[in-house]
Protein backbone atom coordinates (compact mmCIF):
# COMPACT_ATOMS: atom_id res chain seq x y z
CA MET A 1 0.00 0.00 0.00
CA GLY A 2 1.43 3.38 -1.04
CA ARG A 3 2.10 6.12 1.48
CA SER A 4 -0.77 8.35 0.28
CA ALA A 5 -3.22 5.42 0.28
CA ALA A 6 -2.14 4.39 3.78
CA TRP A 7 -2.58 7.95 5.00
CA ALA A 8 -5.98 8.23 3.34
CA ARG A 9 -7.34 5.05 4.93
CA ARG A 10 -6.00 6.03 8.36
CA ALA A 11 -7.61 9.48 8.04
CA TYR A 12 -10.87 7.84 6.93
CA SER A 13 -10.79 5.48 9.93
CA VAL A 14 -10.12 8.35 12.35
CA ALA A 15 -13.07 10.23 10.86
CA LEU A 16 -15.26 7.16 11.33
CA TYR A 17 -14.27 6.90 15.00
CA LEU A 18 -15.08 10.58 15.50
CA LEU A 19 -18.47 10.05 13.86
CA ALA A 20 -19.14 6.84 15.80
CA PRO A 21 -21.99 8.33 17.93
CA LEU A 22 -23.90 9.29 14.78
CA ALA A 23 -23.18 5.93 13.16
CA TRP A 24 -24.39 4.08 16.23
CA LYS A 25 -27.56 6.18 16.31
CA ARG A 26 -28.29 5.02 12.76
CA VAL A 27 -27.52 1.42 13.68
CA TRP A 28 -29.85 1.62 16.67
CA ARG A 29 -32.74 2.35 14.29
CA GLU A 30 -31.81 -0.24 11.67
CA GLN A 31 -32.31 -3.34 13.76
CA LEU A 32 -34.41 -6.49 13.96
CA PRO A 33 -35.94 -7.82 17.19
CA GLY A 34 -33.68 -10.37 18.81
CA ARG A 35 -30.69 -9.57 16.60
CA PRO A 36 -27.66 -8.50 18.68
CA ARG A 37 -26.25 -5.10 17.79
CA ARG A 38 -22.75 -6.46 18.30
CA GLU A 39 -22.96 -7.77 14.72
CA ARG A 40 -22.23 -4.17 13.72
CA LEU A 41 -18.82 -4.60 15.36
CA GLY A 42 -18.05 -7.77 13.45
CA LEU A 43 -18.99 -10.01 16.38
CA ILE A 44 -20.71 -12.83 14.53
CA PRO A 45 -20.52 -16.55 15.34
CA PRO A 46 -17.41 -18.09 13.76
CA SER A 47 -17.91 -20.38 10.78
CA GLY A 48 -17.79 -24.06 11.62
CA GLU A 49 -14.80 -26.24 10.87
CA GLY A 50 -14.80 -27.12 7.18
CA GLU A 51 -17.79 -24.88 6.47
CA ARG A 52 -17.56 -22.96 3.20
CA ALA A 53 -19.33 -19.67 2.63
CA ILE A 54 -19.95 -17.17 -0.16
CA TRP A 55 -20.62 -13.68 1.14
CA LEU A 56 -22.88 -11.28 -0.79
CA HIS A 57 -23.36 -7.71 0.43
CA CYS A 58 -26.40 -5.67 -0.63
CA ALA A 59 -27.09 -2.25 0.87
CA SER A 60 -30.87 -2.43 1.31
CA VAL A 61 -34.13 -3.92 0.09
CA GLY A 62 -33.77 -2.55 -3.45
CA GLU A 63 -30.39 -4.18 -3.93
CA VAL A 64 -31.63 -7.45 -2.44
CA GLN A 65 -34.52 -7.42 -4.91
CA ALA A 66 -32.18 -6.67 -7.81
CA ALA A 67 -29.81 -9.43 -6.69
CA ARG A 68 -32.51 -12.13 -6.57
CA PRO A 69 -31.48 -13.77 -9.88
CA LEU A 70 -27.87 -13.86 -8.65
CA ILE A 71 -28.88 -15.25 -5.25
CA ALA A 72 -30.86 -18.05 -6.89
CA ALA A 73 -28.05 -18.81 -9.34
CA LEU A 74 -25.39 -18.96 -6.63
CA GLY A 75 -27.48 -21.56 -4.84
CA GLU A 76 -27.94 -23.65 -7.95
CA ARG A 77 -24.30 -23.50 -9.09
CA TRP A 78 -22.60 -23.93 -5.71
CA PRO A 79 -24.96 -25.79 -3.35
CA GLY A 80 -22.03 -26.84 -1.17
CA TYR A 81 -21.49 -23.25 -0.03
CA ARG A 82 -23.48 -21.45 2.62
CA LEU A 83 -24.68 -18.14 1.19
CA VAL A 84 -24.36 -15.29 3.69
CA ILE A 85 -26.06 -12.02 2.74
CA THR A 86 -25.33 -8.81 4.60
CA THR A 87 -27.35 -5.60 4.49
CA MET A 88 -27.08 -2.19 6.07
CA THR A 89 -30.80 -1.75 6.67
CA ALA A 90 -33.48 -3.64 8.57
CA THR A 91 -35.81 -3.63 5.54
CA GLY A 92 -33.06 -5.30 3.53
CA ALA A 93 -32.64 -7.87 6.30
CA GLN A 94 -36.37 -8.62 6.27
CA ARG A 95 -36.27 -9.20 2.53
CA VAL A 96 -33.32 -11.59 2.87
CA LEU A 97 -35.17 -13.56 5.54
CA ALA A 98 -38.24 -13.70 3.30
CA LEU A 99 -36.12 -15.10 0.47
CA SER A 100 -34.72 -17.81 2.71
CA GLU A 101 -38.18 -18.85 3.89
CA THR A 102 -40.05 -18.79 0.56
CA PRO A 103 -39.95 -21.81 -1.78
CA GLY A 104 -38.81 -20.91 -5.27
CA GLU A 105 -36.80 -17.89 -4.12
CA GLY A 106 -33.38 -19.46 -4.54
CA ARG A 107 -32.05 -21.44 -1.60
CA ALA A 108 -33.85 -23.68 0.85
CA SER A 109 -34.67 -22.21 4.24
CA GLY A 110 -31.68 -22.14 6.52
CA VAL A 111 -29.05 -22.19 3.74
CA VAL A 112 -29.30 -18.46 3.11
CA SER A 113 -28.34 -16.62 6.28
CA HIS A 114 -28.18 -12.94 7.11
CA HIS A 115 -25.94 -10.68 9.14
CA PHE A 116 -25.91 -6.91 9.37
CA VAL A 117 -22.78 -5.59 7.72
CA PRO A 118 -20.27 -4.33 10.28
CA LEU A 119 -19.54 -0.65 10.55
CA ASP A 120 -16.41 0.02 8.55
CA PHE A 121 -14.06 0.40 11.53
CA PRO A 122 -10.76 -1.43 10.94
CA GLY A 123 -11.20 -3.82 13.88
CA ALA A 124 -14.85 -4.59 13.13
CA ALA A 125 -14.05 -5.28 9.48
CA ARG A 126 -11.18 -7.64 10.35
CA ARG A 127 -13.27 -9.51 12.96
CA PHE A 128 -16.14 -10.02 10.55
CA VAL A 129 -13.96 -11.39 7.75
CA ASP A 130 -11.87 -13.53 10.12
CA ARG A 131 -14.96 -15.09 11.70
CA LEU A 132 -16.91 -15.63 8.49
CA ARG A 133 -13.90 -16.84 6.46
CA PRO A 134 -15.70 -16.57 3.11
CA ALA A 135 -14.30 -18.27 0.04
CA LEU A 136 -15.52 -15.30 -2.02
CA ALA A 137 -16.86 -11.84 -1.21
CA ILE A 138 -19.34 -10.21 -3.62
CA PHE A 139 -20.27 -6.54 -3.28
CA PHE A 140 -23.40 -5.47 -5.16
CA GLU A 141 -23.43 -2.25 -7.19
CA THR A 142 -21.69 0.65 -5.37
CA GLU A 143 -20.88 -0.75 -1.95
CA LEU A 144 -17.21 0.20 -1.57
CA TRP A 145 -16.20 0.03 2.09
CA PRO A 146 -12.44 0.65 2.30
CA ASN A 147 -11.69 -1.23 5.53
CA LEU A 148 -13.88 -4.21 4.62
CA LEU A 149 -12.18 -4.48 1.24
CA ALA A 150 -8.76 -4.22 2.91
CA ALA A 151 -9.75 -6.90 5.45
CA CYS A 152 -10.69 -9.25 2.61
CA ASP A 153 -7.34 -8.63 0.93
CA ARG A 154 -5.52 -9.24 4.22
CA ALA A 155 -7.33 -12.60 4.60
CA ALA A 156 -6.68 -13.54 0.94
CA VAL A 157 -10.43 -13.47 0.15
CA PRO A 158 -11.10 -12.66 -3.53
CA VAL A 159 -13.51 -9.75 -3.98
CA ALA A 160 -15.93 -9.16 -6.86
CA VAL A 161 -18.00 -6.02 -7.39
CA VAL A 162 -20.98 -7.08 -9.52
CA ASN A 163 -23.62 -5.02 -11.29
CA GLY A 164 -21.16 -2.20 -10.65
CA ARG A 165 -22.59 1.25 -11.17
CA LEU A 166 -21.48 4.80 -10.44
CA SER A 167 -23.93 7.60 -11.11
CA PRO A 168 -22.37 10.93 -12.15
CA ARG A 169 -23.20 12.30 -8.70
CA ALA A 170 -21.58 9.36 -6.88
CA PHE A 171 -18.55 9.54 -9.16
CA HIS A 172 -17.94 13.21 -8.41
CA GLY A 173 -18.27 12.51 -4.68
CA TYR A 174 -15.87 9.58 -4.75
CA ARG A 175 -13.39 11.50 -6.92
CA ARG A 176 -12.88 13.96 -4.07
CA LEU A 177 -11.60 10.97 -2.06
CA GLY A 178 -9.03 10.05 -4.71
CA PRO A 179 -6.30 8.21 -2.71
CA LEU A 180 -8.87 6.47 -0.50
CA MET A 181 -10.88 5.14 -3.44
CA HIS A 182 -7.72 4.15 -5.30
CA ASP A 183 -6.73 2.09 -2.27
CA ALA A 184 -10.21 0.55 -1.90
CA LEU A 185 -10.37 -0.50 -5.55
CA SER A 186 -6.86 -1.97 -5.40
CA HIS A 187 -8.36 -4.74 -3.24
CA VAL A 188 -11.03 -5.68 -5.82
CA SER A 189 -10.18 -8.82 -7.77
CA TRP A 190 -12.80 -8.25 -10.48
CA LEU A 191 -15.36 -5.57 -11.25
CA ALA A 192 -18.35 -6.29 -13.50
CA ALA A 193 -19.71 -2.94 -14.67
CA LYS A 194 -23.25 -2.40 -15.85
CA SER A 195 -22.22 -0.12 -18.72
CA ALA A 196 -19.21 1.33 -20.48
CA GLN A 197 -19.85 4.64 -18.70
CA ASP A 198 -19.83 2.94 -15.31
CA ALA A 199 -16.61 1.07 -16.17
CA GLU A 200 -14.95 4.30 -17.27
CA ARG A 201 -15.87 6.03 -14.00
CA PHE A 202 -14.53 3.13 -11.90
CA ARG A 203 -11.29 3.17 -13.88
CA ALA A 204 -10.98 6.92 -13.39
CA LEU A 205 -11.10 6.25 -9.63
CA GLY A 206 -8.26 3.75 -9.87
CA MET A 207 -9.81 0.40 -10.81
CA PRO A 208 -7.23 -1.44 -12.97
CA ALA A 209 -8.59 -1.91 -16.50
CA GLU A 210 -7.31 -5.50 -16.67
CA ARG A 211 -9.48 -6.45 -13.67
CA SER A 212 -12.70 -4.83 -14.88
CA GLU A 213 -15.08 -5.41 -17.75
CA VAL A 214 -18.52 -4.38 -19.01
CA VAL A 215 -20.93 -7.24 -18.31
CA GLY A 216 -24.32 -5.54 -18.50
CA SER A 217 -27.03 -5.10 -15.91
CA LEU A 218 -28.18 -8.05 -13.82
CA LYS A 219 -31.50 -6.27 -13.53
CA PHE A 220 -32.41 -7.47 -17.03
CA ASP A 221 -32.15 -11.05 -15.74
CA ILE A 222 -35.12 -10.40 -13.47
CA ALA A 223 -37.14 -13.47 -12.56
CA VAL A 224 -40.82 -13.27 -11.66
CA ASP A 225 -41.74 -16.22 -9.49
CA ALA A 226 -44.95 -18.14 -9.93
CA ASP A 227 -46.29 -17.14 -6.50
CA ALA A 228 -46.13 -13.43 -7.41
CA ARG A 229 -47.97 -14.12 -10.66
CA ARG A 230 -50.70 -16.01 -8.83
CA VAL A 231 -51.17 -13.14 -6.37
CA SER A 232 -51.34 -10.70 -9.30
CA GLU A 233 -53.99 -12.78 -11.05
CA ARG A 234 -56.15 -13.03 -7.91
CA LEU A 235 -55.89 -9.28 -7.31
CA ARG A 236 -56.74 -8.43 -10.90
CA THR A 237 -59.75 -10.75 -10.87
CA ARG A 238 -61.10 -9.16 -7.71
CA LEU A 239 -60.54 -5.63 -9.00
CA GLY A 240 -62.52 -6.39 -12.13
CA ASP A 241 -62.71 -3.75 -14.86
CA ARG A 242 -61.53 -0.80 -12.78
CA SER A 243 -58.76 1.41 -14.15
CA VAL A 244 -55.84 0.53 -11.85
CA TRP A 245 -52.39 2.08 -11.64
CA VAL A 246 -49.58 1.33 -9.22
CA ALA A 247 -47.09 3.86 -7.86
CA GLY A 248 -44.20 1.80 -6.46
CA SER A 249 -41.24 2.67 -4.22
CA THR A 250 -42.43 6.19 -3.49
CA HIS A 251 -40.72 8.81 -1.32
CA PRO A 252 -41.56 11.91 0.75
CA GLY A 253 -42.45 14.85 -1.45
CA GLU A 254 -43.53 12.42 -4.15
CA ASP A 255 -46.59 10.87 -2.51
CA GLU A 256 -48.24 14.29 -2.33
CA GLN A 257 -47.79 14.79 -6.09
CA LEU A 258 -49.08 11.30 -6.83
CA LEU A 259 -52.21 11.81 -4.73
CA GLU A 260 -52.87 15.13 -6.46
CA ALA A 261 -52.42 13.46 -9.85
CA HIS A 262 -54.82 10.70 -8.82
CA ALA A 263 -57.43 13.18 -7.61
CA ARG A 264 -57.28 14.96 -11.00
CA LEU A 265 -57.50 11.60 -12.81
CA ARG A 266 -60.64 10.67 -10.85
CA GLU A 267 -62.36 13.82 -12.05
CA HIS A 268 -62.52 12.10 -15.46
CA LEU A 269 -62.29 8.46 -14.32
CA PRO A 270 -64.24 8.32 -11.03
CA GLY A 271 -63.59 4.59 -10.61
CA ALA A 272 -59.81 4.80 -10.99
CA LEU A 273 -57.82 3.12 -8.23
CA LEU A 274 -54.28 3.99 -7.16
CA VAL A 275 -52.24 1.21 -5.54
CA LEU A 276 -49.67 3.21 -3.55
CA VAL A 277 -46.54 1.42 -2.30
CA PRO A 278 -44.15 3.56 -0.22
CA ARG A 279 -40.49 2.62 -0.38
CA HIS A 280 -39.89 2.49 3.39
CA PRO A 281 -42.14 0.70 5.91
CA ARG A 282 -41.59 3.39 8.53
CA ARG A 283 -43.61 5.73 6.29
CA PHE A 284 -46.72 3.55 5.99
CA GLU A 285 -48.64 5.38 8.71
CA ALA A 286 -47.62 8.82 7.44
CA VAL A 287 -48.75 7.98 3.91
CA ALA A 288 -52.09 6.66 5.17
CA GLU A 289 -52.57 10.02 6.92
CA LEU A 290 -51.62 11.85 3.71
CA CYS A 291 -54.39 9.99 1.87
CA ALA A 292 -56.92 10.94 4.54
CA ARG A 293 -55.88 14.61 4.46
CA ALA A 294 -56.23 14.59 0.68
CA GLY A 295 -59.83 13.40 1.08
CA LEU A 296 -59.14 10.09 -0.66
CA SER A 297 -60.66 6.99 0.88
CA VAL A 298 -58.03 4.33 1.54
CA ALA A 299 -57.93 0.56 2.12
CA ARG A 300 -54.80 -0.93 3.72
CA ARG A 301 -53.43 -4.24 2.54
CA SER A 302 -51.71 -4.91 5.88
CA ARG A 303 -55.12 -4.94 7.55
CA ASP A 304 -56.71 -7.22 4.94
CA GLU A 305 -58.98 -4.35 3.91
CA TRP A 306 -60.31 -4.65 0.38
CA PRO A 307 -60.95 -1.64 -1.88
CA ASP A 308 -64.65 -1.33 -2.69
CA ASP A 309 -66.11 0.76 -5.51
CA ASN A 310 -65.71 3.96 -3.49
CA THR A 311 -62.08 3.36 -2.46
CA ALA A 312 -59.64 5.72 -4.16
CA VAL A 313 -56.32 4.37 -2.81
CA TYR A 314 -55.21 0.85 -1.96
CA LEU A 315 -52.16 1.24 0.30
CA GLY A 316 -49.58 -1.51 -0.26
CA ASP A 317 -48.21 -1.32 3.29
CA THR A 318 -46.66 -4.80 3.26
CA MET A 319 -43.15 -6.05 2.48
CA GLY A 320 -42.03 -8.00 -0.57
CA GLU A 321 -45.24 -7.69 -2.61
CA LEU A 322 -44.40 -4.90 -5.04
CA LEU A 323 -43.95 -7.25 -8.00
CA ALA A 324 -47.32 -8.88 -7.35
CA LEU A 325 -49.00 -5.48 -7.06
CA TYR A 326 -47.38 -4.26 -10.29
CA GLY A 327 -48.71 -7.34 -12.05
CA ALA A 328 -52.31 -6.53 -11.10
CA ALA A 329 -52.22 -3.05 -12.66
CA ASP A 330 -52.97 -1.53 -16.05
CA LEU A 331 -50.16 1.02 -15.65
CA ALA A 332 -47.15 1.40 -13.34
CA PHE A 333 -45.37 4.52 -12.14
CA VAL A 334 -41.91 3.81 -10.68
CA GLY A 335 -41.13 6.13 -7.78
CA GLY A 336 -38.06 7.94 -6.58
CA SER A 337 -38.25 9.83 -9.87
CA LEU A 338 -40.38 12.91 -9.10
CA VAL A 339 -37.96 13.82 -6.31
CA PRO A 340 -34.12 13.81 -6.49
CA ILE A 341 -33.65 10.18 -5.40
CA GLY A 342 -32.48 8.80 -8.73
CA GLY A 343 -35.32 6.41 -9.52
CA HIS A 344 -35.91 2.73 -8.85
CA ASN A 345 -36.16 -0.46 -10.89
CA LEU A 346 -38.01 0.28 -14.14
CA LEU A 347 -37.69 -3.32 -15.28
CA GLU A 348 -39.91 -4.91 -12.63
CA PRO A 349 -43.21 -3.78 -14.18
CA ALA A 350 -41.77 -4.10 -17.71
CA ALA A 351 -40.96 -7.79 -17.13
CA LEU A 352 -44.60 -8.31 -16.15
CA GLY A 353 -45.90 -6.65 -19.30
CA VAL A 354 -47.17 -3.55 -17.48
CA PRO A 355 -46.60 -0.18 -19.23
CA VAL A 356 -44.06 1.92 -17.33
CA LEU A 357 -44.15 5.62 -16.44
CA THR A 358 -41.46 7.55 -14.61
CA GLY A 359 -40.50 11.03 -13.50
CA PRO A 360 -37.38 12.90 -14.66
CA GLU A 361 -35.01 11.90 -11.81
CA LEU A 362 -33.32 8.77 -13.13
CA ALA A 363 -29.65 9.11 -12.17
CA ASN A 364 -29.53 5.56 -10.76
CA PHE A 365 -31.11 3.98 -13.84
CA LEU A 366 -29.89 6.07 -16.76
CA ASP A 367 -28.60 3.03 -18.66
CA VAL A 368 -31.86 1.10 -18.27
CA ALA A 369 -33.97 4.19 -19.00
CA GLU A 370 -32.01 4.88 -22.19
CA VAL A 371 -32.55 1.34 -23.48
CA MET A 372 -36.26 1.57 -22.69
CA ARG A 373 -36.59 5.01 -24.31
CA GLU A 374 -34.88 3.77 -27.48
CA ALA A 375 -37.38 0.91 -27.61
CA GLU A 376 -40.26 3.35 -26.96
CA ALA A 377 -41.09 1.32 -23.85
CA LEU A 378 -41.07 4.17 -21.32
CA ILE A 379 -43.24 7.22 -20.68
CA LYS A 380 -41.36 10.02 -18.92
CA VAL A 381 -43.28 12.87 -17.28
CA ALA A 382 -41.99 16.12 -15.83
CA ASP A 383 -44.24 16.42 -12.77
CA GLY A 384 -47.46 15.30 -11.13
CA GLU A 385 -49.67 17.31 -13.47
CA ALA A 386 -48.03 15.77 -16.53
CA LEU A 387 -48.40 12.34 -14.91
CA SER A 388 -52.16 12.86 -14.50
CA ASP A 389 -52.45 13.83 -18.17
CA ALA A 390 -50.42 10.80 -19.28
CA LEU A 391 -52.49 8.43 -17.15
CA GLY A 392 -55.74 9.79 -18.60
CA ARG A 393 -54.43 9.49 -22.15
CA LEU A 394 -53.18 5.92 -21.66
CA PHE A 395 -56.30 4.67 -19.90
CA ALA A 396 -58.25 5.89 -22.95
CA ASP A 397 -55.90 4.20 -25.44
CA THR A 398 -55.89 0.41 -25.07
CA PRO A 399 -53.78 -0.24 -28.22
CA GLU A 400 -51.03 2.08 -26.92
CA ARG A 401 -51.02 0.31 -23.53
CA ARG A 402 -50.62 -3.00 -25.32
CA ARG A 403 -47.78 -1.63 -27.46
CA LEU A 404 -45.95 -0.31 -24.38
CA ALA A 405 -46.43 -3.63 -22.59
CA ALA A 406 -44.99 -5.61 -25.51
CA ALA A 407 -42.07 -3.19 -25.90
CA GLY A 408 -41.21 -3.48 -22.20
CA ARG A 409 -41.23 -7.27 -22.31
CA SER A 410 -38.98 -7.21 -25.38
CA VAL A 411 -36.46 -4.91 -23.68
CA VAL A 412 -36.11 -7.34 -20.80
CA ALA A 413 -35.86 -10.40 -23.05
CA ASP A 414 -33.38 -8.82 -25.49
CA ASN A 415 -30.94 -7.66 -22.80
CA ARG A 416 -30.63 -10.76 -20.65
CA GLY A 417 -27.25 -12.45 -20.28
CA ALA A 418 -25.34 -10.46 -17.66
CA LEU A 419 -26.04 -13.16 -15.09
CA GLU A 420 -24.31 -15.93 -17.06
CA ARG A 421 -21.33 -13.71 -17.83
CA THR A 422 -21.05 -12.79 -14.14
CA LEU A 423 -21.25 -16.39 -12.95
CA ALA A 424 -18.57 -17.49 -15.41
CA THR A 425 -16.00 -15.17 -13.84
CA LEU A 426 -17.14 -15.79 -10.26
CA ALA A 427 -16.41 -19.48 -10.88
CA LYS A 428 -12.79 -18.57 -11.65
CA LEU A 429 -12.49 -16.63 -8.37
CA LEU A 430 -13.72 -19.47 -6.17
CA PRO A 431 -11.01 -21.80 -4.83
CA ALA A 432 -10.56 -25.02 -6.79
CA GLU A 433 -12.53 -27.93 -5.36
């Protein structure tokens, strides 16, 4: 390790220690009942003698969802390895546990296990890696934790960054940490970038070109399980001929615009139903109150309430059902795009054959959005008022909805393949049997 890199990581670690009270405050919130907080310090049970593990780190629920095809494939290709998934957030942890308990979601119950990722203190990172002793560490998308990466290198654990992406905003932020990021990327054995632009940004931060390649987005390898399709079909049957649209993964400042757009839509389509699915469970109550203040009658899925003919909003206040709810709709709006979040997964409704609408904030999905725009499979709106107009136009135009649905399905089908390319290189990184 060069002198500047060593200095940068030491300075980073000192800053982390100084910020420890704030970090611990965040950790205190992101917790599951019965799960010891000492996991955040790398204090996990040691792996058993002869036990082999593959470690996959995903930041939160969105990354876990996006990694589902990879999780299932790891289980099928290497059943002799225990798959350990770490997350930063409690919602991500809940999704991992749901995957491990649901048939058809990849691995049998008990083979997928979850830990919270340790805070990136040097000692916590070393303890975690030393106790887990993974044969391979896989970091999903943009999770670059300098001390964890260094701990893997120290323990001779190969590291892969898969579905690697760097938005322009993230790139400019990381570039200000030049020596630190150069050091972090020096510990990465292989980086699979989503696009040429992402690969170029990683290389500009110090990722060696010979250890990185453009593989494509794993998101195109999305798999829709049969259970989700069955739930979609039951919902659609019960909803009948109503005009139904889903707004998924929504955020503060966005829900208000969506409710206003829905109120305007109902002036022309009184029977229209909005299925509203907030991104974070802690906001379920607040969003229910927003609906009430907007004068829109609401039914809550978590309470087994069913929307009758007078219900304006069906609140999807449950976990892990967004795909099923998308599949029951005529149209889907993907949230995080009317506010500066960067958007969420546009391909989930597209894979189900549901026409996709989005706002203008798409920094996290520019590559996917561009492919969908080129295929004329995406409707982009500037604000809530434009969304209301687009919804009204599309509900009145069945042939256009069908065209959008077919175009979305084609985009997903035509761009698959990143998963197989990723698995081929991961196989080379795993120790020989």
